PDB file of N, CA and C in Angstrom:
ATOM      1  N   MET A   1     151.681   1.713 207.032  1.00  0.00           N
ATOM      2  CA  MET A   1     152.349   2.898 207.521  1.00  0.00           C
ATOM      3  C   MET A   1     150.815   4.066 207.336  1.00  0.00           C
ATOM      4  N   THR A   2     150.627   4.760 208.407  1.00  0.00           N
ATOM      5  CA  THR A   2     149.826   5.645 208.643  1.00  0.00           C
ATOM      6  C   THR A   2     150.309   6.728 207.704  1.00  0.00           C
ATOM      7  N   ARG A   3     148.977   7.321 207.053  1.00  0.00           N
ATOM      8  CA  ARG A   3     149.419   8.411 206.252  1.00  0.00           C
ATOM      9  C   ARG A   3     149.723   9.775 207.051  1.00  0.00           C
ATOM     10  N   ASP A   4     151.102  10.398 206.824  1.00  0.00           N
ATOM     11  CA  ASP A   4     151.385  11.782 207.517  1.00  0.00           C
ATOM     12  C   ASP A   4     150.151  12.695 207.347  1.00  0.00           C
ATOM     13  N   PRO A   5     150.352  13.381 208.548  1.00  0.00           N
ATOM     14  CA  PRO A   5     148.773  14.719 208.669  1.00  0.00           C
ATOM     15  C   PRO A   5     149.170  15.872 207.855  1.00  0.00           C
ATOM     16  N   LEU A   6     150.688  15.988 207.241  1.00  0.00           N
ATOM     17  CA  LEU A   6     150.965  16.672 206.312  1.00  0.00           C
ATOM     18  C   LEU A   6     150.782  16.608 204.777  1.00  0.00           C
ATOM     19  N   LEU A   7     149.912  15.389 204.805  1.00  0.00           N
ATOM     20  CA  LEU A   7     149.939  14.979 203.546  1.00  0.00           C
ATOM     21  C   LEU A   7     148.539  15.643 202.980  1.00  0.00           C
ATOM     22  N   PRO A   8     148.204  15.777 201.595  1.00  0.00           N
ATOM     23  CA  PRO A   8     149.096  16.240 200.548  1.00  0.00           C
ATOM     24  C   PRO A   8     149.825  17.438 200.773  1.00  0.00           C
ATOM     25  N   LEU A   9     151.057  17.432 200.260  1.00  0.00           N
ATOM     26  CA  LEU A   9     151.818  18.563 200.123  1.00  0.00           C
ATOM     27  C   LEU A   9     151.586  19.585 198.963  1.00  0.00           C
ATOM     28  N   THR A  10     151.658  21.037 199.265  1.00  0.00           N
ATOM     29  CA  THR A  10     151.504  21.838 197.792  1.00  0.00           C
ATOM     30  C   THR A  10     152.745  21.644 196.885  1.00  0.00           C
ATOM     31  N   GLU A  11     151.925  22.162 195.754  1.00  0.00           N
ATOM     32  CA  GLU A  11     153.581  21.762 194.616  1.00  0.00           C
ATOM     33  C   GLU A  11     154.133  22.395 195.229  1.00  0.00           C
ATOM     34  N   THR A  12     154.357  23.826 196.177  1.00  0.00           N
ATOM     35  CA  THR A  12     155.167  24.783 196.144  1.00  0.00           C
ATOM     36  C   THR A  12     156.148  24.123 197.194  1.00  0.00           C
ATOM     37  N   VAL A  13     155.586  23.607 197.920  1.00  0.00           N
ATOM     38  CA  VAL A  13     156.336  23.074 199.465  1.00  0.00           C
ATOM     39  C   VAL A  13     157.032  21.534 198.902  1.00  0.00           C
ATOM     40  N   ALA A  14     156.391  20.631 197.959  1.00  0.00           N
ATOM     41  CA  ALA A  14     156.997  19.623 197.706  1.00  0.00           C
ATOM     42  C   ALA A  14     158.365  19.784 196.443  1.00  0.00           C
ATOM     43  N   CYS A  15     158.502  21.096 195.794  1.00  0.00           N
ATOM     44  CA  CYS A  15     159.363  21.808 195.231  1.00  0.00           C
ATOM     45  C   CYS A  15     160.612  21.741 195.926  1.00  0.00           C
ATOM     46  N   ILE A  16     160.375  22.577 197.092  1.00  0.00           N
ATOM     47  CA  ILE A  16     161.116  22.848 197.927  1.00  0.00           C
ATOM     48  C   ILE A  16     161.937  21.791 198.760  1.00  0.00           C
ATOM     49  N   LEU A  17     161.060  20.991 199.005  1.00  0.00           N
ATOM     50  CA  LEU A  17     161.794  19.478 199.393  1.00  0.00           C
ATOM     51  C   LEU A  17     162.538  18.642 198.585  1.00  0.00           C
ATOM     52  N   LEU A  18     162.017  18.580 197.208  1.00  0.00           N
ATOM     53  CA  LEU A  18     162.750  17.960 196.175  1.00  0.00           C
ATOM     54  C   LEU A  18     164.401  19.064 195.981  1.00  0.00           C
ATOM     55  N   ALA A  19     164.265  20.250 195.944  1.00  0.00           N
ATOM     56  CA  ALA A  19     165.308  21.150 195.713  1.00  0.00           C
ATOM     57  C   ALA A  19     166.230  20.795 196.838  1.00  0.00           C
ATOM     58  N   LEU A  20     165.895  20.421 198.391  1.00  0.00           N
ATOM     59  CA  LEU A  20     166.643  20.358 199.163  1.00  0.00           C
ATOM     60  C   LEU A  20     167.346  18.693 199.648  1.00  0.00           C
ATOM     61  N   ARG A  21     167.149  18.345 198.626  1.00  0.00           N
ATOM     62  CA  ARG A  21     167.703  17.107 198.492  1.00  0.00           C
ATOM     63  C   ARG A  21     169.529  16.768 198.486  1.00  0.00           C
ATOM     64  N   GLU A  22     169.780  17.999 198.510  1.00  0.00           N
ATOM     65  CA  GLU A  22     171.149  18.670 198.362  1.00  0.00           C
ATOM     66  C   GLU A  22     171.155  20.033 198.994  1.00  0.00           C
ATOM     67  N   PRO A  23     171.999  19.953 199.891  1.00  0.00           N
ATOM     68  CA  PRO A  23     172.127  21.276 200.948  1.00  0.00           C
ATOM     69  C   PRO A  23     171.853  22.705 199.941  1.00  0.00           C
ATOM     70  N   ALA A  24     171.323  23.510 200.230  1.00  0.00           N
ATOM     71  CA  ALA A  24     171.165  24.993 199.297  1.00  0.00           C
ATOM     72  C   ALA A  24     170.703  26.174 200.409  1.00  0.00           C
ATOM     73  N   HIS A  25     171.037  27.421 199.838  1.00  0.00           N
ATOM     74  CA  HIS A  25     170.451  28.612 200.541  1.00  0.00           C
ATOM     75  C   HIS A  25     169.500  29.310 199.276  1.00  0.00           C
ATOM     76  N   GLY A  26     168.994  30.124 200.121  1.00  0.00           N
ATOM     77  CA  GLY A  26     167.654  30.880 199.386  1.00  0.00           C
ATOM     78  C   GLY A  26     167.461  30.731 198.280  1.00  0.00           C
ATOM     79  N   TYR A  27     168.375  31.597 197.482  1.00  0.00           N
ATOM     80  CA  TYR A  27     168.501  31.767 196.205  1.00  0.00           C
ATOM     81  C   TYR A  27     168.683  30.687 195.278  1.00  0.00           C
ATOM     82  N   ALA A  28     169.730  29.677 195.860  1.00  0.00           N
ATOM     83  CA  ALA A  28     169.675  28.764 194.987  1.00  0.00           C
ATOM     84  C   ALA A  28     168.416  27.456 194.997  1.00  0.00           C
ATOM     85  N   ILE A  29     167.541  27.958 196.071  1.00  0.00           N
ATOM     86  CA  ILE A  29     166.501  26.927 196.230  1.00  0.00           C
ATOM     87  C   ILE A  29     165.492  27.644 195.278  1.00  0.00           C
ATOM     88  N   MET A  30     165.423  28.994 195.316  1.00  0.00           N
ATOM     89  CA  MET A  30     164.351  29.881 194.328  1.00  0.00           C
ATOM     90  C   MET A  30     164.812  29.004 192.614  1.00  0.00           C
ATOM     91  N   ALA A  31     166.170  29.007 192.481  1.00  0.00           N
ATOM     92  CA  ALA A  31     166.776  28.806 191.291  1.00  0.00           C
ATOM     93  C   ALA A  31     166.498  27.597 190.970  1.00  0.00           C
ATOM     94  N   ARG A  32     166.506  26.465 191.600  1.00  0.00           N
ATOM     95  CA  ARG A  32     166.325  24.928 191.498  1.00  0.00           C
ATOM     96  C   ARG A  32     165.220  24.750 191.585  1.00  0.00           C
ATOM     97  N   VAL A  33     164.099  25.362 192.296  1.00  0.00           N
ATOM     98  CA  VAL A  33     162.399  25.232 192.173  1.00  0.00           C
ATOM     99  C   VAL A  33     161.997  25.454 190.620  1.00  0.00           C
ATOM    100  N   GLU A  34     162.784  26.869 190.237  1.00  0.00           N
ATOM    101  CA  GLU A  34     162.041  27.393 189.060  1.00  0.00           C
ATOM    102  C   GLU A  34     162.550  26.439 187.789  1.00  0.00           C
ATOM    103  N   GLU A  35     163.846  25.903 188.044  1.00  0.00           N
ATOM    104  CA  GLU A  35     164.382  25.178 186.950  1.00  0.00           C
ATOM    105  C   GLU A  35     163.877  23.678 186.653  1.00  0.00           C
ATOM    106  N   MET A  36     163.521  23.067 187.802  1.00  0.00           N
ATOM    107  CA  MET A  36     162.783  21.879 187.972  1.00  0.00           C
ATOM    108  C   MET A  36     161.617  21.728 187.557  1.00  0.00           C
ATOM    109  N   SER A  37     160.811  22.821 187.829  1.00  0.00           N
ATOM    110  CA  SER A  37     159.472  23.028 187.519  1.00  0.00           C
ATOM    111  C   SER A  37     159.124  23.458 186.318  1.00  0.00           C
ATOM    112  N   GLU A  38     160.359  24.107 185.724  1.00  0.00           N
ATOM    113  CA  GLU A  38     160.421  24.269 184.036  1.00  0.00           C
ATOM    114  C   GLU A  38     159.321  25.516 183.724  1.00  0.00           C
ATOM    115  N   GLY A  39     159.410  26.605 185.322  1.00  0.00           N
ATOM    116  CA  GLY A  39     159.314  27.785 185.089  1.00  0.00           C
ATOM    117  C   GLY A  39     157.904  27.844 185.527  1.00  0.00           C
ATOM    118  N   ALA A  40     157.023  26.802 185.965  1.00  0.00           N
ATOM    119  CA  ALA A  40     155.543  26.772 186.610  1.00  0.00           C
ATOM    120  C   ALA A  40     155.566  27.442 187.981  1.00  0.00           C
ATOM    121  N   VAL A  41     156.890  26.797 188.751  1.00  0.00           N
ATOM    122  CA  VAL A  41     156.735  27.633 190.194  1.00  0.00           C
ATOM    123  C   VAL A  41     157.828  28.382 190.422  1.00  0.00           C
ATOM    124  N   ARG A  42     157.591  29.543 190.699  1.00  0.00           N
ATOM    125  CA  ARG A  42     158.321  30.618 190.971  1.00  0.00           C
ATOM    126  C   ARG A  42     157.891  31.311 192.566  1.00  0.00           C
ATOM    127  N   LEU A  43     158.984  31.051 193.166  1.00  0.00           N
ATOM    128  CA  LEU A  43     158.931  31.486 194.284  1.00  0.00           C
ATOM    129  C   LEU A  43     159.443  33.188 195.098  1.00  0.00           C
ATOM    130  N   ALA A  44     158.914  33.551 195.176  1.00  0.00           N
ATOM    131  CA  ALA A  44     159.125  34.965 196.016  1.00  0.00           C
ATOM    132  C   ALA A  44     159.959  34.854 196.962  1.00  0.00           C
ATOM    133  N   PRO A  45     161.026  35.955 197.472  1.00  0.00           N
ATOM    134  CA  PRO A  45     161.600  35.801 198.297  1.00  0.00           C
ATOM    135  C   PRO A  45     160.421  35.405 200.090  1.00  0.00           C
ATOM    136  N   GLY A  46     159.312  36.387 200.338  1.00  0.00           N
ATOM    137  CA  GLY A  46     158.960  36.483 201.354  1.00  0.00           C
ATOM    138  C   GLY A  46     158.015  35.208 201.098  1.00  0.00           C
ATOM    139  N   THR A  47     157.716  34.174 200.390  1.00  0.00           N
ATOM    140  CA  THR A  47     157.204  33.079 200.227  1.00  0.00           C
ATOM    141  C   THR A  47     157.830  31.757 200.614  1.00  0.00           C
ATOM    142  N   LEU A  48     158.942  31.968 200.105  1.00  0.00           N
ATOM    143  CA  LEU A  48     160.327  31.199 200.219  1.00  0.00           C
ATOM    144  C   LEU A  48     160.265  31.053 201.786  1.00  0.00           C
ATOM    145  N   TYR A  49     160.616  32.067 202.353  1.00  0.00           N
ATOM    146  CA  TYR A  49     161.406  32.257 203.577  1.00  0.00           C
ATOM    147  C   TYR A  49     160.369  31.812 204.644  1.00  0.00           C
ATOM    148  N   GLY A  50     159.024  32.343 204.340  1.00  0.00           N
ATOM    149  CA  GLY A  50     158.196  31.814 205.185  1.00  0.00           C
ATOM    150  C   GLY A  50     157.667  30.061 205.270  1.00  0.00           C
ATOM    151  N   ALA A  51     158.222  29.850 204.134  1.00  0.00           N
ATOM    152  CA  ALA A  51     157.828  28.326 203.924  1.00  0.00           C
ATOM    153  C   ALA A  51     158.699  27.560 204.440  1.00  0.00           C
ATOM    154  N   LEU A  52     160.412  28.232 204.717  1.00  0.00           N
ATOM    155  CA  LEU A  52     161.494  27.616 205.274  1.00  0.00           C
ATOM    156  C   LEU A  52     161.052  27.329 206.479  1.00  0.00           C
ATOM    157  N   ASP A  53     160.892  28.600 207.198  1.00  0.00           N
ATOM    158  CA  ASP A  53     160.748  28.861 208.594  1.00  0.00           C
ATOM    159  C   ASP A  53     159.818  27.665 209.265  1.00  0.00           C
ATOM    160  N   THR A  54     158.583  27.579 208.184  1.00  0.00           N
ATOM    161  CA  THR A  54     157.670  26.542 208.639  1.00  0.00           C
ATOM    162  C   THR A  54     157.892  25.031 208.347  1.00  0.00           C
ATOM    163  N   LEU A  55     158.830  24.648 207.241  1.00  0.00           N
ATOM    164  CA  LEU A  55     159.444  23.500 207.096  1.00  0.00           C
ATOM    165  C   LEU A  55     160.346  22.986 208.254  1.00  0.00           C
ATOM    166  N   VAL A  56     161.148  24.133 208.632  1.00  0.00           N
ATOM    167  CA  VAL A  56     161.976  24.016 209.932  1.00  0.00           C
ATOM    168  C   VAL A  56     161.141  23.192 210.944  1.00  0.00           C
ATOM    169  N   LYS A  57     160.128  24.038 211.142  1.00  0.00           N
ATOM    170  CA  LYS A  57     159.030  23.761 212.435  1.00  0.00           C
ATOM    171  C   LYS A  57     158.626  22.312 212.448  1.00  0.00           C
ATOM    172  N   GLN A  58     158.285  21.886 211.193  1.00  0.00           N
ATOM    173  CA  GLN A  58     157.669  20.671 211.100  1.00  0.00           C
ATOM    174  C   GLN A  58     158.850  19.704 211.029  1.00  0.00           C
ATOM    175  N   ARG A  59     160.028  19.754 211.182  1.00  0.00           N
ATOM    176  CA  ARG A  59     161.355  19.181 210.977  1.00  0.00           C
ATOM    177  C   ARG A  59     161.590  18.172 209.792  1.00  0.00           C
ATOM    178  N   LEU A  60     160.833  19.063 208.571  1.00  0.00           N
ATOM    179  CA  LEU A  60     160.814  18.294 207.368  1.00  0.00           C
ATOM    180  C   LEU A  60     162.477  18.715 206.783  1.00  0.00           C
ATOM    181  N   ILE A  61     162.838  19.728 207.051  1.00  0.00           N
ATOM    182  CA  ILE A  61     164.227  20.555 206.545  1.00  0.00           C
ATOM    183  C   ILE A  61     164.770  20.760 207.790  1.00  0.00           C
ATOM    184  N   ALA A  62     165.899  20.858 207.676  1.00  0.00           N
ATOM    185  CA  ALA A  62     166.960  21.643 208.979  1.00  0.00           C
ATOM    186  C   ALA A  62     167.981  22.372 208.586  1.00  0.00           C
ATOM    187  N   ARG A  63     168.593  23.565 209.183  1.00  0.00           N
ATOM    188  CA  ARG A  63     169.600  24.010 208.684  1.00  0.00           C
ATOM    189  C   ARG A  63     170.848  23.674 209.163  1.00  0.00           C
ATOM    190  N   VAL A  64     171.973  23.355 208.328  1.00  0.00           N
ATOM    191  CA  VAL A  64     173.062  22.664 207.880  1.00  0.00           C
ATOM    192  C   VAL A  64     174.396  24.231 207.850  1.00  0.00           C
ATOM    193  N   ALA A  65     175.189  23.546 208.699  1.00  0.00           N
ATOM    194  CA  ALA A  65     176.732  24.428 208.402  1.00  0.00           C
ATOM    195  C   ALA A  65     176.812  24.941 207.602  1.00  0.00           C
ATOM    196  N   SER A  66     177.310  26.092 207.032  1.00  0.00           N
ATOM    197  CA  SER A  66     177.601  26.574 205.951  1.00  0.00           C
ATOM    198  C   SER A  66     179.187  27.502 205.634  1.00  0.00           C
ATOM    199  N   GLU A  67     179.734  27.368 204.689  1.00  0.00           N
ATOM    200  CA  GLU A  67     181.008  27.929 205.179  1.00  0.00           C
ATOM    201  C   GLU A  67     181.200  29.882 204.834  1.00  0.00           C
ATOM    202  N   ASP A  68     179.654  30.167 204.394  1.00  0.00           N
ATOM    203  CA  ASP A  68     179.455  31.651 204.758  1.00  0.00           C
ATOM    204  C   ASP A  68     178.692  31.783 205.833  1.00  0.00           C
ATOM    205  N   PRO A  69     178.808  32.218 206.769  1.00  0.00           N
ATOM    206  CA  PRO A  69     177.888  32.330 207.908  1.00  0.00           C
ATOM    207  C   PRO A  69     176.993  33.528 207.547  1.00  0.00           C
ATOM    208  N   ARG A  70     177.086  34.308 206.818  1.00  0.00           N
ATOM    209  CA  ARG A  70     176.073  35.089 206.322  1.00  0.00           C
ATOM    210  C   ARG A  70     174.665  34.402 205.798  1.00  0.00           C
ATOM    211  N   ARG A  71     175.241  33.028 205.158  1.00  0.00           N
ATOM    212  CA  ARG A  71     174.347  32.601 204.267  1.00  0.00           C
ATOM    213  C   ARG A  71     173.501  31.319 205.032  1.00  0.00           C
ATOM    214  N   LYS A  72     171.834  31.094 205.031  1.00  0.00           N
ATOM    215  CA  LYS A  72     171.451  29.870 206.040  1.00  0.00           C
ATOM    216  C   LYS A  72     171.117  29.087 204.695  1.00  0.00           C
ATOM    217  N   VAL A  73     171.828  27.988 204.861  1.00  0.00           N
ATOM    218  CA  VAL A  73     171.586  26.509 204.586  1.00  0.00           C
ATOM    219  C   VAL A  73     170.692  25.774 205.017  1.00  0.00           C
ATOM    220  N   TYR A  74     169.903  24.897 204.222  1.00  0.00           N
ATOM    221  CA  TYR A  74     169.064  23.946 204.287  1.00  0.00           C
ATOM    222  C   TYR A  74     169.290  22.542 203.646  1.00  0.00           C
ATOM    223  N   LEU A  75     168.635  21.606 204.622  1.00  0.00           N
ATOM    224  CA  LEU A  75     168.974  20.324 203.924  1.00  0.00           C
ATOM    225  C   LEU A  75     167.697  19.623 204.163  1.00  0.00           C
ATOM    226  N   LEU A  76     166.915  18.460 203.278  1.00  0.00           N
ATOM    227  CA  LEU A  76     165.881  17.583 203.627  1.00  0.00           C
ATOM    228  C   LEU A  76     166.298  16.863 204.450  1.00  0.00           C
ATOM    229  N   THR A  77     165.287  16.669 205.714  1.00  0.00           N
ATOM    230  CA  THR A  77     165.806  15.643 206.912  1.00  0.00           C
ATOM    231  C   THR A  77     165.291  14.447 206.150  1.00  0.00           C
ATOM    232  N   GLU A  78     165.408  13.162 207.432  1.00  0.00           N
ATOM    233  CA  GLU A  78     165.203  12.032 207.126  1.00  0.00           C
ATOM    234  C   GLU A  78     162.975  12.163 207.171  1.00  0.00           C
ATOM    235  N   ARG A  79     162.528  12.854 208.101  1.00  0.00           N
ATOM    236  CA  ARG A  79     161.405  12.673 208.254  1.00  0.00           C
ATOM    237  C   ARG A  79     160.911  13.430 206.849  1.00  0.00           C
ATOM    238  N   GLY A  80     161.567  14.516 206.202  1.00  0.00           N
ATOM    239  CA  GLY A  80     161.001  15.348 204.914  1.00  0.00           C
ATOM    240  C   GLY A  80     161.094  14.219 204.028  1.00  0.00           C
ATOM    241  N   ALA A  81     162.094  13.385 204.021  1.00  0.00           N
ATOM    242  CA  ALA A  81     162.256  12.615 202.601  1.00  0.00           C
ATOM    243  C   ALA A  81     160.937  11.191 202.878  1.00  0.00           C
ATOM    244  N   GLU A  82     160.893  11.075 204.002  1.00  0.00           N
ATOM    245  CA  GLU A  82     159.474  10.155 204.505  1.00  0.00           C
ATOM    246  C   GLU A  82     158.434  10.542 203.737  1.00  0.00           C
ATOM    247  N   VAL A  83     158.265  11.846 203.957  1.00  0.00           N
ATOM    248  CA  VAL A  83     157.142  12.499 203.852  1.00  0.00           C
ATOM    249  C   VAL A  83     157.032  12.804 202.417  1.00  0.00           C
ATOM    250  N   LEU A  84     157.884  13.492 201.756  1.00  0.00           N
ATOM    251  CA  LEU A  84     157.868  13.513 200.414  1.00  0.00           C
ATOM    252  C   LEU A  84     157.792  12.157 199.591  1.00  0.00           C
ATOM    253  N   ALA A  85     158.172  10.815 200.176  1.00  0.00           N
ATOM    254  CA  ALA A  85     157.901   9.934 199.454  1.00  0.00           C
ATOM    255  C   ALA A  85     156.504   9.144 199.382  1.00  0.00           C
ATOM    256  N   GLN A  86     155.845   9.462 200.738  1.00  0.00           N
ATOM    257  CA  GLN A  86     154.761   9.267 200.852  1.00  0.00           C
ATOM    258  C   GLN A  86     153.860  10.246 199.767  1.00  0.00           C
ATOM    259  N   ASP A  87     153.955  11.347 199.625  1.00  0.00           N
ATOM    260  CA  ASP A  87     153.383  12.049 198.916  1.00  0.00           C
ATOM    261  C   ASP A  87     153.445  11.607 197.362  1.00  0.00           C
ATOM    262  N   ALA A  88     154.823  11.048 196.784  1.00  0.00           N
ATOM    263  CA  ALA A  88     155.094  10.491 195.535  1.00  0.00           C
ATOM    264  C   ALA A  88     154.151   9.353 195.313  1.00  0.00           C
ATOM    265  N   GLU A  89     154.313   8.530 196.349  1.00  0.00           N
ATOM    266  CA  GLU A  89     153.316   7.318 196.569  1.00  0.00           C
ATOM    267  C   GLU A  89     151.919   7.793 196.289  1.00  0.00           C
ATOM    268  N   ARG A  90     151.213   8.491 197.086  1.00  0.00           N
ATOM    269  CA  ARG A  90     149.889   8.915 196.820  1.00  0.00           C
ATOM    270  C   ARG A  90     149.330   9.477 195.700  1.00  0.00           C
ATOM    271  N   MET A  91     150.771  10.540 194.678  1.00  0.00           N
ATOM    272  CA  MET A  91     150.158  11.008 193.501  1.00  0.00           C
ATOM    273  C   MET A  91     150.473   9.817 192.706  1.00  0.00           C
ATOM    274  N   ALA A  92     151.302   8.790 192.737  1.00  0.00           N
ATOM    275  CA  ALA A  92     151.283   7.709 191.927  1.00  0.00           C
ATOM    276  C   ALA A  92     150.250   6.846 191.869  1.00  0.00           C
ATOM    277  N   HIS A  93     149.814   6.594 193.099  1.00  0.00           N
ATOM    278  CA  HIS A  93     148.118   5.880 193.025  1.00  0.00           C
ATOM    279  C   HIS A  93     147.090   6.714 192.205  1.00  0.00           C
ATOM    280  N   LEU A  94     146.929   7.742 192.575  1.00  0.00           N
ATOM    281  CA  LEU A  94     145.957   8.644 191.530  1.00  0.00           C
ATOM    282  C   LEU A  94     146.408   8.414 190.365  1.00  0.00           C
ATOM    283  N   VAL A  95     147.803   8.732 189.633  1.00  0.00           N
ATOM    284  CA  VAL A  95     147.864   8.448 188.532  1.00  0.00           C
ATOM    285  C   VAL A  95     147.251   7.010 187.912  1.00  0.00           C
ATOM    286  N   ARG A  96     147.668   5.640 188.879  1.00  0.00           N
ATOM    287  CA  ARG A  96     147.278   4.553 188.651  1.00  0.00           C
ATOM    288  C   ARG A  96     145.742   4.526 188.387  1.00  0.00           C
ATOM    289  N   LEU A  97     145.129   5.107 189.104  1.00  0.00           N
ATOM    290  CA  LEU A  97     143.494   4.947 189.207  1.00  0.00           C
ATOM    291  C   LEU A  97     143.070   5.666 187.873  1.00  0.00           C
ATOM    292  N   HIS A  98     143.779   6.961 187.790  1.00  0.00           N
ATOM    293  CA  HIS A  98     143.268   7.676 186.405  1.00  0.00           C
ATOM    294  C   HIS A  98     143.453   6.780 185.212  1.00  0.00           C
ATOM    295  N   GLU A  99     144.596   5.980 184.825  1.00  0.00           N
ATOM    296  CA  GLU A  99     145.016   5.438 183.811  1.00  0.00           C
ATOM    297  C   GLU A  99     144.042   4.192 183.889  1.00  0.00           C
ATOM    298  N   ARG A 100     143.707   3.815 184.910  1.00  0.00           N
ATOM    299  CA  ARG A 100     142.829   2.260 185.025  1.00  0.00           C
ATOM    300  C   ARG A 100     141.447   3.029 184.279  1.00  0.00           C
ATOM    301  N   GLY A 101     141.011   4.020 184.969  1.00  0.00           N
ATOM    302  CA  GLY A 101     140.014   4.384 184.559  1.00  0.00           C
ATOM    303  C   GLY A 101     139.639   5.042 183.027  1.00  0.00           C
ATOM    304  N   ARG A 102     140.775   5.325 182.682  1.00  0.00           N
ATOM    305  CA  ARG A 102     140.887   5.864 181.113  1.00  0.00           C
ATOM    306  C   ARG A 102     140.827   4.466 180.313  1.00  0.00           C
ATOM    307  N   GLY A 103     141.258   3.549 180.706  1.00  0.00           N
ATOM    308  CA  GLY A 103     141.170   2.181 179.925  1.00  0.00           C
ATOM    309  C   GLY A 103     140.079   1.680 179.860  1.00  0.00           C
ATOM    310  N   SER A 104     139.209   1.481 181.018  1.00  0.00           N
ATOM    311  CA  SER A 104     137.739   1.334 180.941  1.00  0.00           C
ATOM    312  C   SER A 104     137.199   1.680 180.280  1.00  0.00           C
ATOM    313  N   ARG A 105     137.146   2.990 179.674  1.00  0.00           N
ATOM    314  CA  ARG A 105     136.379   3.842 178.659  1.00  0.00           C
ATOM    315  C   ARG A 105     136.689   3.596 177.194  1.00  0.00           C
ATOM    316  N   GLU A 106     137.988   2.911 176.890  1.00  0.00           N
ATOM    317  CA  GLU A 106     138.311   3.215 175.967  1.00  0.00           C
ATOM    318  C   GLU A 106     137.660   1.848 174.802  1.00  0.00           C
ATOM    319  N   GLY A 107     137.029   0.726 175.465  1.00  0.00           N
ATOM    320  CA  GLY A 107     136.605  -0.273 174.982  1.00  0.00           C
ATOM    321  C   GLY A 107     135.558  -0.369 173.884  1.00  0.00           C
TER     322      GLY A 107
END
């Protein structure tokens, strides 16, 4: 499989995509990201909504129907899940390389 040109994802984008494995609106996304990152990533509304617009254009997330028409609800798309999985594998590979390098120095 060819690496997606959107890779590597920024930490912020990766957290937003992870937060959208279940449907969520803006405030819920901000809360999920802060919780899952243990406070390391905090999104300002302007940053979040700019990122959401970009991610919709890239087809990584999509708007979905909401019970409250005033709220925009988003969900990770299949393409978004694939890109997220590719980035996770890329990072896991880097961790394996790091661990392998550490082992060779400990001798």
